[in-house]
């Protein structure tokens, strides 16, 4: 982050993003915010606390003179995976933290916000020295806003009552984009050496760097994601019964976990959403499929998944309804160097056994994405807002 930033603009941005996290939590009661429905899901109140912990740990404690942590145990309770910071509460047991409650976490957030205001006011002329880390914290919180919605969707889906997060929720893929209703067409690319990776002077994550050349063979990419109607055709043709379509590990999940449709689809033509159960919309992009399912569908369709560099070279119009699985393993770019210190653990140590997703989704905060953004999940993950786009 090299652009000049004023104290007031940076503080305004910080507080607006922090306030949006609280707005996302407003529809949820204390019980909703405490449940952890599986190890990959974190309780809503944990997201609210952890994002505060990030600013407290990496900015306030080292940079604000006289700062006193809100609670000495929070350094342990709300550390996610930073080994350099110290020990932490086990991730699969976050749902056992009945205390602190949501009111106490609200006070923690207010304490951190006030202290961040003091830090940025005190920094004044030296704000550029901390601006990149503040922006990293803001971007980190935006990532957790998306995770908060993914996670609470899974939590609510486990209830026999099938409750809605918000009956008017706008954070689900829909057919508002006309491309989702159109016949599939293809964008041709001649191939060659293309430059990939971030090249601006604003913010990017370290895994988007350094910019470098990638060799592409000629290819074509679909102009929109795969739809629910197309997925129904895959299912009707025995897509979940044909071992020849699947990678071995994926077929193992089909057998062991009973996959017969995307996550949240029921057998009565409905799908669970943040708005509660609704009929499957055949024109909407299919969502909540694993890499294994996306790969099997592409093989069934006589196509394949794109590489992340093909996707970036085309930067397809209409991206942003669902995160789109790439055939690319999540690996460092040539010359990648993680940042010094604990924040260097942010991305680099996860560059194994995961696949890249591109494009953003309906739950991605406005302005958070860009064509070079690299999301990543394990191949079996289904609770993320993940779909696919075909290439050939």
Protein backbone atom coordinates (compact mmCIF):
# COMPACT_ATOMS: atom_id res chain seq x y z
CA UNK A 1 0.00 0.00 0.00
CA UNK A 2 1.93 3.03 -1.24
CA UNK A 3 -0.77 5.64 -1.93
CA UNK A 4 -0.81 8.60 0.48
CA UNK A 5 -3.56 8.22 3.08
CA UNK A 6 -4.86 10.92 5.45
CA UNK A 7 -5.63 10.13 9.08
CA UNK A 8 -9.29 11.13 8.79
CA UNK A 9 -9.95 9.02 5.69
CA UNK A 10 -8.23 6.00 7.17
CA UNK A 11 -10.15 6.30 10.44
CA UNK A 12 -13.44 6.80 8.62
CA UNK A 13 -12.80 3.71 6.53
CA UNK A 14 -11.82 1.66 9.57
CA UNK A 15 -14.91 2.64 11.57
CA UNK A 16 -17.30 2.08 8.65
CA UNK A 17 -16.00 -1.44 8.06
CA UNK A 18 -16.12 -2.15 11.79
CA UNK A 19 -19.70 -0.88 11.94
CA UNK A 20 -20.70 -3.11 9.03
CA UNK A 21 -19.59 -6.19 10.98
CA UNK A 22 -21.98 -5.16 13.74
CA UNK A 23 -24.79 -4.64 11.24
CA UNK A 24 -24.25 -8.17 9.95
CA UNK A 25 -24.57 -9.50 13.51
CA UNK A 26 -27.75 -7.51 14.32
CA UNK A 27 -30.27 -10.14 13.11
CA UNK A 28 -28.70 -12.75 15.42
CA UNK A 29 -29.45 -13.45 19.06
CA UNK A 30 -26.91 -14.54 21.69
CA UNK A 31 -27.65 -18.21 21.06
CA UNK A 32 -27.21 -17.82 17.28
CA UNK A 33 -23.85 -16.14 17.79
CA UNK A 34 -22.44 -18.85 20.06
CA UNK A 35 -23.03 -22.03 18.03
CA UNK A 36 -20.25 -23.79 16.11
CA UNK A 37 -21.86 -26.35 13.77
CA UNK A 38 -18.61 -27.94 12.52
CA UNK A 39 -14.85 -27.34 12.99
CA UNK A 40 -14.57 -25.16 9.86
CA UNK A 41 -17.32 -22.82 11.13
CA UNK A 42 -16.63 -20.14 13.75
CA UNK A 43 -19.33 -18.58 15.93
CA UNK A 44 -20.43 -15.08 14.96
CA UNK A 45 -19.26 -13.62 18.25
CA UNK A 46 -15.83 -15.19 17.70
CA UNK A 47 -15.53 -13.39 14.35
CA UNK A 48 -16.46 -10.12 16.06
CA UNK A 49 -13.87 -10.66 18.77
CA UNK A 50 -11.07 -12.02 16.57
CA UNK A 51 -11.18 -9.05 14.19
CA UNK A 52 -10.81 -6.79 17.26
CA UNK A 53 -7.96 -8.97 18.53
CA UNK A 54 -6.16 -8.38 15.22
CA UNK A 55 -6.07 -4.59 15.70
CA UNK A 56 -5.26 -4.93 19.40
CA UNK A 57 -2.40 -7.40 18.85
CA UNK A 58 -0.73 -6.01 15.74
CA UNK A 59 -1.35 -2.28 16.12
CA UNK A 60 -2.43 -1.12 19.57
CA UNK A 61 -0.11 -3.14 21.80
CA UNK A 62 3.08 -2.34 19.85
CA UNK A 63 2.25 1.18 18.65
CA UNK A 64 -0.05 3.02 21.11
CA UNK A 65 1.82 4.27 24.16
CA UNK A 66 0.17 3.23 27.42
CA UNK A 67 -2.36 0.91 25.77
CA UNK A 68 -3.83 -1.69 28.10
CA UNK A 69 -5.49 -4.78 26.60
CA UNK A 70 -9.21 -5.06 27.25
CA UNK A 71 -8.84 -8.49 28.89
CA UNK A 72 -5.61 -10.47 29.36
CA UNK A 73 -7.23 -13.79 28.35
CA UNK A 74 -8.41 -12.51 24.99
CA UNK A 75 -4.91 -12.83 23.54
CA UNK A 76 -5.35 -16.60 23.99
CA UNK A 77 -9.08 -16.93 23.27
CA UNK A 78 -9.19 -15.04 19.98
CA UNK A 79 -5.86 -15.82 18.32
CA UNK A 80 -6.70 -17.76 15.17
CA UNK A 81 -3.48 -19.36 13.92
CA UNK A 82 -0.56 -17.03 14.67
CA UNK A 83 2.15 -19.19 16.19
CA UNK A 84 4.40 -16.18 16.76
CA UNK A 85 1.77 -14.59 19.01
CA UNK A 86 1.56 -17.60 21.31
CA UNK A 87 -0.82 -20.43 22.27
CA UNK A 88 -4.52 -20.27 21.43
CA UNK A 89 -7.86 -21.87 22.13
CA UNK A 90 -8.47 -24.90 19.89
CA UNK A 91 -10.36 -24.01 16.72
CA UNK A 92 -12.88 -26.90 16.90
CA UNK A 93 -13.84 -25.80 20.43
CA UNK A 94 -14.73 -22.16 19.75
CA UNK A 95 -18.39 -23.03 20.20
CA UNK A 96 -17.68 -23.95 23.85
CA UNK A 97 -16.90 -20.33 24.67
CA UNK A 98 -20.24 -19.36 26.21
CA UNK A 99 -18.37 -16.47 27.81
CA UNK A 100 -17.62 -13.72 27.02
CA UNK A 101 -21.16 -13.01 25.83
CA UNK A 102 -22.15 -10.78 22.96
CA UNK A 103 -22.56 -7.66 25.14
CA UNK A 104 -19.04 -8.05 26.50
CA UNK A 105 -17.69 -8.52 22.97
CA UNK A 106 -19.53 -5.35 21.92
CA UNK A 107 -17.68 -3.52 24.70
CA UNK A 108 -14.42 -5.05 23.53
CA UNK A 109 -15.05 -3.81 20.01
CA UNK A 110 -15.88 -0.30 21.26
CA UNK A 111 -12.70 -0.28 23.37
CA UNK A 112 -10.57 -1.24 20.37
CA UNK A 113 -12.30 1.28 18.09
CA UNK A 114 -11.68 4.12 20.56
CA UNK A 115 -8.04 3.12 20.96
CA UNK A 116 -7.58 2.93 17.18
CA UNK A 117 -8.92 6.47 17.00
CA UNK A 118 -6.32 7.50 19.57
CA UNK A 119 -3.56 5.71 17.66
CA UNK A 120 -4.36 7.31 14.34
CA UNK A 121 -4.75 10.75 15.92
CA UNK A 122 -1.44 10.34 17.73
CA UNK A 123 0.25 9.01 14.60
CA UNK A 124 -0.86 12.08 12.60
CA UNK A 125 2.18 12.89 10.43
CA UNK A 126 3.52 9.35 10.81
CA UNK A 127 0.28 7.70 9.70
CA UNK A 128 1.99 6.27 6.61
CA UNK A 129 4.07 4.11 8.93
CA UNK A 130 1.01 2.23 10.18
CA UNK A 131 -1.40 2.77 7.27
CA UNK A 132 -0.55 -0.48 5.47
CA UNK A 133 -1.16 -2.52 8.64
CA UNK A 134 -4.43 -0.70 9.38
CA UNK A 135 -5.55 -1.43 5.82
CA UNK A 136 -4.55 -5.08 6.24
CA UNK A 137 -6.72 -5.18 9.37
CA UNK A 138 -9.62 -3.63 7.49
CA UNK A 139 -9.29 -6.09 4.61
CA UNK A 140 -8.98 -8.92 7.13
CA UNK A 141 -12.22 -7.82 8.77
CA UNK A 142 -13.95 -7.75 5.39
CA UNK A 143 -12.83 -11.33 4.84
CA UNK A 144 -14.40 -12.23 8.17
CA UNK A 145 -17.63 -10.48 7.21
CA UNK A 146 -17.96 -12.93 4.33
CA UNK A 147 -16.98 -15.82 6.58
CA UNK A 148 -19.53 -14.70 9.18
CA UNK A 149 -22.30 -15.08 6.58
CA UNK A 150 -21.00 -18.44 5.31
CA UNK A 151 -20.73 -19.72 8.86
CA UNK A 152 -24.11 -18.56 10.16
CA UNK A 153 -25.75 -20.05 7.07
CA UNK A 154 -24.32 -23.44 8.02
CA UNK A 155 -25.34 -22.97 11.67
CA UNK A 156 -28.95 -22.10 10.79
CA UNK A 157 -29.18 -24.89 8.21
CA UNK A 158 -28.58 -27.42 11.02
CA UNK A 159 -31.75 -26.36 12.83
CA UNK A 160 -34.94 -28.38 12.15
CA UNK A 161 -36.76 -25.04 12.12
CA UNK A 162 -34.75 -23.91 9.06
CA UNK A 163 -34.79 -20.28 10.24
CA UNK A 164 -33.87 -17.35 8.01
CA UNK A 165 -30.92 -15.14 8.84
CA UNK A 166 -32.78 -12.29 7.13
CA UNK A 167 -35.87 -12.75 4.96
CA UNK A 168 -34.68 -9.89 2.74
CA UNK A 169 -31.01 -10.93 2.64
CA UNK A 170 -29.15 -9.82 -0.49
CA UNK A 171 -26.06 -11.97 0.09
CA UNK A 172 -27.12 -14.93 -2.06
CA UNK A 173 -26.38 -15.50 -5.78
CA UNK A 174 -29.39 -14.67 -7.91
CA UNK A 175 -30.51 -14.22 -11.50
CA UNK A 176 -30.37 -10.42 -11.33
CA UNK A 177 -27.41 -10.68 -13.72
CA UNK A 178 -28.85 -11.42 -17.16
CA UNK A 179 -25.88 -13.62 -18.04
CA UNK A 180 -27.16 -16.25 -15.61
CA UNK A 181 -30.27 -16.66 -17.81
CA UNK A 182 -28.50 -16.70 -21.16
CA UNK A 183 -27.33 -19.59 -23.31
CA UNK A 184 -23.67 -20.42 -22.72
CA UNK A 185 -21.20 -18.63 -24.99
CA UNK A 186 -17.41 -18.67 -25.00
CA UNK A 187 -14.66 -16.06 -24.99
CA UNK A 188 -11.61 -17.11 -27.02
CA UNK A 189 -8.06 -16.25 -25.93
CA UNK A 190 -5.03 -16.73 -28.22
CA UNK A 191 -2.68 -17.75 -25.43
CA UNK A 192 0.90 -16.56 -25.11
CA UNK A 193 2.79 -14.99 -22.22
CA UNK A 194 0.57 -12.79 -20.05
CA UNK A 195 1.41 -10.74 -16.97
CA UNK A 196 -0.42 -11.88 -13.84
CA UNK A 197 -0.45 -10.65 -10.26
CA UNK A 198 -1.21 -7.26 -8.75
CA UNK A 199 0.26 -4.20 -10.45
CA UNK A 200 -1.41 -1.20 -8.78
CA UNK A 201 -0.42 1.16 -5.96
CA UNK A 202 -3.35 0.31 -3.67
CA UNK A 203 -3.83 -2.62 -1.35
CA UNK A 204 -3.31 -6.26 -2.23
CA UNK A 205 -2.58 -9.37 -0.21
CA UNK A 206 0.95 -10.74 -0.32
CA UNK A 207 -0.23 -13.88 -2.16
CA UNK A 208 -1.06 -11.69 -5.20
CA UNK A 209 2.63 -10.79 -5.60
CA UNK A 210 5.03 -10.57 -7.27
CA UNK A 211 3.67 -9.81 -10.71
CA UNK A 212 5.16 -12.19 -13.25
CA UNK A 213 4.70 -13.74 -16.66
CA UNK A 214 2.65 -16.90 -17.22
CA UNK A 215 2.53 -18.97 -20.42
CA UNK A 216 -0.98 -19.82 -21.63
CA UNK A 217 -2.02 -22.16 -24.40
CA UNK A 218 -4.97 -20.99 -26.57
CA UNK A 219 -8.22 -21.52 -24.66
CA UNK A 220 -11.84 -20.45 -24.36
CA UNK A 221 -13.81 -19.56 -21.24
CA UNK A 222 -17.55 -19.54 -20.61
CA UNK A 223 -19.13 -16.12 -20.29
CA UNK A 224 -21.03 -17.03 -17.10
CA UNK A 225 -20.95 -19.52 -14.22
CA UNK A 226 -22.71 -22.88 -14.38
CA UNK A 227 -26.36 -22.62 -13.36
CA UNK A 228 -28.55 -24.69 -11.06
CA UNK A 229 -30.52 -25.88 -14.09
CA UNK A 230 -27.35 -27.21 -15.69
CA UNK A 231 -26.44 -28.88 -12.43
CA UNK A 232 -29.84 -30.58 -12.32
CA UNK A 233 -29.08 -32.06 -15.75
CA UNK A 234 -25.79 -33.38 -14.37
CA UNK A 235 -27.66 -34.97 -11.46
CA UNK A 236 -30.37 -36.43 -13.74
CA UNK A 237 -27.64 -38.03 -15.86
CA UNK A 238 -26.23 -39.85 -12.85
CA UNK A 239 -23.46 -37.39 -12.11
CA UNK A 240 -23.20 -38.48 -8.48
CA UNK A 241 -23.37 -42.20 -9.39
CA UNK A 242 -20.65 -42.37 -12.07
CA UNK A 243 -17.19 -43.05 -10.68
CA UNK A 244 -15.64 -42.33 -14.10
CA UNK A 245 -16.37 -38.62 -13.68
CA UNK A 246 -14.63 -38.22 -10.35
CA UNK A 247 -11.15 -37.88 -8.96
CA UNK A 248 -10.50 -40.76 -6.57
CA UNK A 249 -10.55 -38.66 -3.41
CA UNK A 250 -13.71 -36.91 -4.55
CA UNK A 251 -15.43 -40.23 -5.24
CA UNK A 252 -14.46 -41.25 -1.72
CA UNK A 253 -16.37 -38.23 -0.37
CA UNK A 254 -19.38 -39.08 -2.54
CA UNK A 255 -19.45 -42.55 -1.02
CA UNK A 256 -18.54 -41.70 2.57
CA UNK A 257 -20.45 -38.43 2.94
CA UNK A 258 -23.47 -39.27 0.80
CA UNK A 259 -23.13 -36.38 -1.64
CA UNK A 260 -26.08 -36.42 -4.05
CA UNK A 261 -26.53 -32.70 -4.68
CA UNK A 262 -24.88 -29.39 -3.74
CA UNK A 263 -24.82 -28.57 -0.04
CA UNK A 264 -28.15 -27.18 1.25
CA UNK A 265 -30.23 -28.75 -1.53
CA UNK A 266 -33.12 -30.85 -0.20
CA UNK A 267 -34.90 -33.67 -1.98
CA UNK A 268 -38.09 -31.67 -2.49
CA UNK A 269 -36.76 -29.09 -4.96
CA UNK A 270 -35.79 -26.54 -2.33
CA UNK A 271 -32.47 -25.11 -1.19
CA UNK A 272 -31.64 -23.56 2.18
CA UNK A 273 -30.49 -19.94 1.89
CA UNK A 274 -29.86 -17.03 4.23
CA UNK A 275 -33.50 -16.17 3.48
CA UNK A 276 -34.59 -19.62 4.60
CA UNK A 277 -35.71 -22.47 2.31
CA UNK A 278 -36.63 -21.39 -1.25
CA UNK A 279 -37.28 -23.30 -4.49
CA UNK A 280 -34.15 -24.06 -6.53
CA UNK A 281 -33.81 -21.30 -9.15
CA UNK A 282 -32.59 -23.02 -12.29
CA UNK A 283 -31.28 -19.74 -13.71
CA UNK A 284 -29.16 -18.87 -10.68
CA UNK A 285 -25.47 -19.84 -10.48
CA UNK A 286 -25.01 -23.12 -8.67
CA UNK A 287 -23.43 -22.59 -5.25
CA UNK A 288 -21.94 -24.64 -2.41
CA UNK A 289 -20.14 -27.23 -4.50
CA UNK A 290 -16.69 -28.59 -3.72
CA UNK A 291 -13.70 -28.60 -6.03
CA UNK A 292 -14.33 -32.31 -6.55
CA UNK A 293 -17.92 -31.67 -7.66
CA UNK A 294 -16.88 -28.80 -9.92
CA UNK A 295 -14.22 -30.95 -11.54
CA UNK A 296 -16.66 -33.85 -12.06
CA UNK A 297 -19.24 -31.53 -13.63
CA UNK A 298 -16.65 -30.05 -15.98
CA UNK A 299 -15.62 -33.53 -17.11
CA UNK A 300 -19.29 -34.50 -17.63
CA UNK A 301 -19.79 -31.32 -19.70
CA UNK A 302 -16.82 -32.12 -21.96
CA UNK A 303 -14.88 -29.17 -20.60
CA UNK A 304 -12.56 -28.43 -17.67
CA UNK A 305 -11.98 -25.90 -14.94
CA UNK A 306 -9.83 -22.88 -15.90
CA UNK A 307 -6.42 -22.18 -14.44
CA UNK A 308 -6.25 -19.07 -12.30
CA UNK A 309 -4.00 -17.40 -14.87
CA UNK A 310 -6.47 -18.08 -17.70
CA UNK A 311 -9.20 -16.60 -15.51
CA UNK A 312 -7.13 -13.51 -14.71
CA UNK A 313 -6.18 -13.00 -18.36
CA UNK A 314 -9.86 -12.92 -19.34
CA UNK A 315 -11.18 -11.37 -16.07
CA UNK A 316 -14.65 -12.54 -17.06
CA UNK A 317 -17.60 -10.17 -17.02
CA UNK A 318 -20.28 -11.19 -14.56
CA UNK A 319 -17.84 -12.57 -12.00
CA UNK A 320 -18.88 -11.98 -8.42
CA UNK A 321 -22.01 -14.13 -8.01
CA UNK A 322 -20.07 -17.12 -6.65
CA UNK A 323 -16.43 -17.84 -5.97
CA UNK A 324 -15.24 -19.92 -8.93
CA UNK A 325 -13.04 -22.97 -8.47
CA UNK A 326 -9.82 -22.96 -10.48
CA UNK A 327 -7.80 -26.03 -11.47
CA UNK A 328 -4.77 -24.29 -9.94
CA UNK A 329 -3.31 -25.46 -6.66
CA UNK A 330 -2.77 -22.68 -4.15
CA UNK A 331 0.98 -22.13 -4.39
CA UNK A 332 3.38 -19.17 -4.07
CA UNK A 333 4.19 -17.07 -7.11
CA UNK A 334 7.82 -17.12 -8.28
CA UNK A 335 9.79 -14.91 -5.92
CA UNK A 336 7.07 -14.77 -3.23
CA UNK A 337 8.25 -13.51 0.15
CA UNK A 338 5.95 -13.44 3.20
CA UNK A 339 6.00 -10.29 5.30
CA UNK A 340 8.32 -10.13 8.29
CA UNK A 341 6.96 -10.94 11.74
CA UNK A 342 3.72 -12.60 12.80
CA UNK A 343 1.66 -11.05 9.97
CA UNK A 344 3.80 -13.09 7.60
CA UNK A 345 1.70 -16.07 8.73
CA UNK A 346 -1.37 -14.52 7.08
CA UNK A 347 -1.17 -16.45 3.79
CA UNK A 348 2.13 -18.13 3.06
CA UNK A 349 1.91 -21.06 5.46
CA UNK A 350 -1.38 -22.22 3.90
CA UNK A 351 0.07 -22.71 0.43
CA UNK A 352 -0.40 -26.48 0.32
CA UNK A 353 -3.32 -28.92 -0.18
CA UNK A 354 -5.74 -26.20 -1.28
CA UNK A 355 -7.17 -24.90 -4.55
CA UNK A 356 -7.61 -21.32 -5.75
CA UNK A 357 -10.98 -19.64 -6.25
CA UNK A 358 -11.44 -16.38 -8.15
CA UNK A 359 -14.05 -13.70 -8.69
CA UNK A 360 -15.81 -13.02 -5.40
CA UNK A 361 -19.42 -13.76 -4.49
CA UNK A 362 -22.66 -12.06 -3.48
CA UNK A 363 -21.41 -11.93 0.12
CA UNK A 364 -18.06 -10.29 -0.73
CA UNK A 365 -18.02 -6.71 0.61
CA UNK A 366 -18.27 -3.99 -2.03
CA UNK A 367 -14.80 -2.88 -3.13
CA UNK A 368 -13.05 -5.82 -1.49
CA UNK A 369 -12.35 -7.86 -4.62
CA UNK A 370 -10.19 -7.36 -7.71
CA UNK A 371 -9.17 -9.58 -10.66
CA UNK A 372 -5.92 -10.65 -8.96
CA UNK A 373 -7.57 -11.68 -5.65
CA UNK A 374 -6.74 -15.29 -4.72
CA UNK A 375 -9.15 -17.06 -2.40
CA UNK A 376 -8.42 -20.66 -1.41
CA UNK A 377 -10.09 -23.66 0.24
CA UNK A 378 -9.46 -27.40 0.58
CA UNK A 379 -10.89 -29.43 -2.31
CA UNK A 380 -13.68 -30.99 -0.23
CA UNK A 381 -15.05 -27.68 1.12
CA UNK A 382 -18.72 -27.01 0.35
CA UNK A 383 -19.91 -24.42 2.90
CA UNK A 384 -18.18 -21.54 1.09
CA UNK A 385 -20.10 -19.60 -1.57
CA UNK A 386 -18.36 -21.60 -4.28
CA UNK A 387 -19.40 -22.43 -7.86
CA UNK A 388 -17.65 -22.82 -11.18
CA UNK A 389 -17.12 -21.53 -14.72
CA UNK A 390 -16.09 -23.82 -17.57
CA UNK A 391 -13.06 -23.59 -19.83
CA UNK A 392 -11.87 -25.61 -22.81
